[in-house]
Amino acid sequence: MKVMTFNLRTDFLLDINNRWNERKEVVYD
């Protein structure tokens, strides 16, 4: 169960990072 929650957390953080990267690109453009 810990591994599952850890994977979900990492996926969630990666998703947030991807969204922030997209926002940065839009802002800099």
C-alpha atoms as a PDB file:
ATOM      1  CA  MET A   1       0.000   0.000   0.000  1.00  0.00           C
ATOM      2  CA  LYS A   2       2.835   2.418   0.826  1.00  0.00           C
ATOM      3  CA  VAL A   3       4.347   1.850  -2.595  1.00  0.00           C
ATOM      4  CA  MET A   4       0.995   2.528  -4.248  1.00  0.00           C
ATOM      5  CA  THR A   5       0.492   5.798  -2.379  1.00  0.00           C
ATOM      6  CA  PHE A   6       4.078   6.785  -3.110  1.00  0.00           C
ATOM      7  CA  ASN A   7       3.559   6.184  -6.826  1.00  0.00           C
ATOM      8  CA  LEU A   8       0.349   8.208  -6.768  1.00  0.00           C
ATOM      9  CA  ARG A   9       2.134  11.060  -5.005  1.00  0.00           C
ATOM     10  CA  THR A  10       5.017  11.085  -7.474  1.00  0.00           C
ATOM     11  CA  ASP A  11       2.581  11.018 -10.403  1.00  0.00           C
ATOM     12  CA  PHE A  12       0.661  13.901  -8.820  1.00  0.00           C
ATOM     13  CA  LEU A  13       3.838  15.942  -8.305  1.00  0.00           C
ATOM     14  CA  LEU A  14       4.992  15.202 -11.854  1.00  0.00           C
ATOM     15  CA  ASP A  15       1.605  16.328 -13.170  1.00  0.00           C
ATOM     16  CA  ILE A  16       1.894  19.598 -11.239  1.00  0.00           C
ATOM     17  CA  ASN A  17       5.423  20.142 -12.559  1.00  0.00           C
ATOM     18  CA  ASN A  18       4.218  19.566 -16.116  1.00  0.00           C
ATOM     19  CA  ARG A  19       1.401  22.082 -15.658  1.00  0.00           C
ATOM     20  CA  TRP A  20       3.799  24.660 -14.203  1.00  0.00           C
ATOM     21  CA  ASN A  21       6.180  24.115 -17.117  1.00  0.00           C
ATOM     22  CA  GLU A  22       3.319  24.692 -19.553  1.00  0.00           C
ATOM     23  CA  ARG A  23       2.320  27.877 -17.721  1.00  0.00           C
ATOM     24  CA  LYS A  24       5.923  29.129 -17.752  1.00  0.00           C
ATOM     25  CA  GLU A  25       6.114  28.553 -21.504  1.00  0.00           C
ATOM     26  CA  VAL A  26       2.861  30.449 -22.063  1.00  0.00           C
ATOM     27  CA  VAL A  27       3.948  33.339 -19.837  1.00  0.00           C
ATOM     28  CA  TYR A  28       7.378  33.623 -21.485  1.00  0.00           C
ATOM     29  CA  ASP A  29       5.808  33.478 -24.930  1.00  0.00           C
END
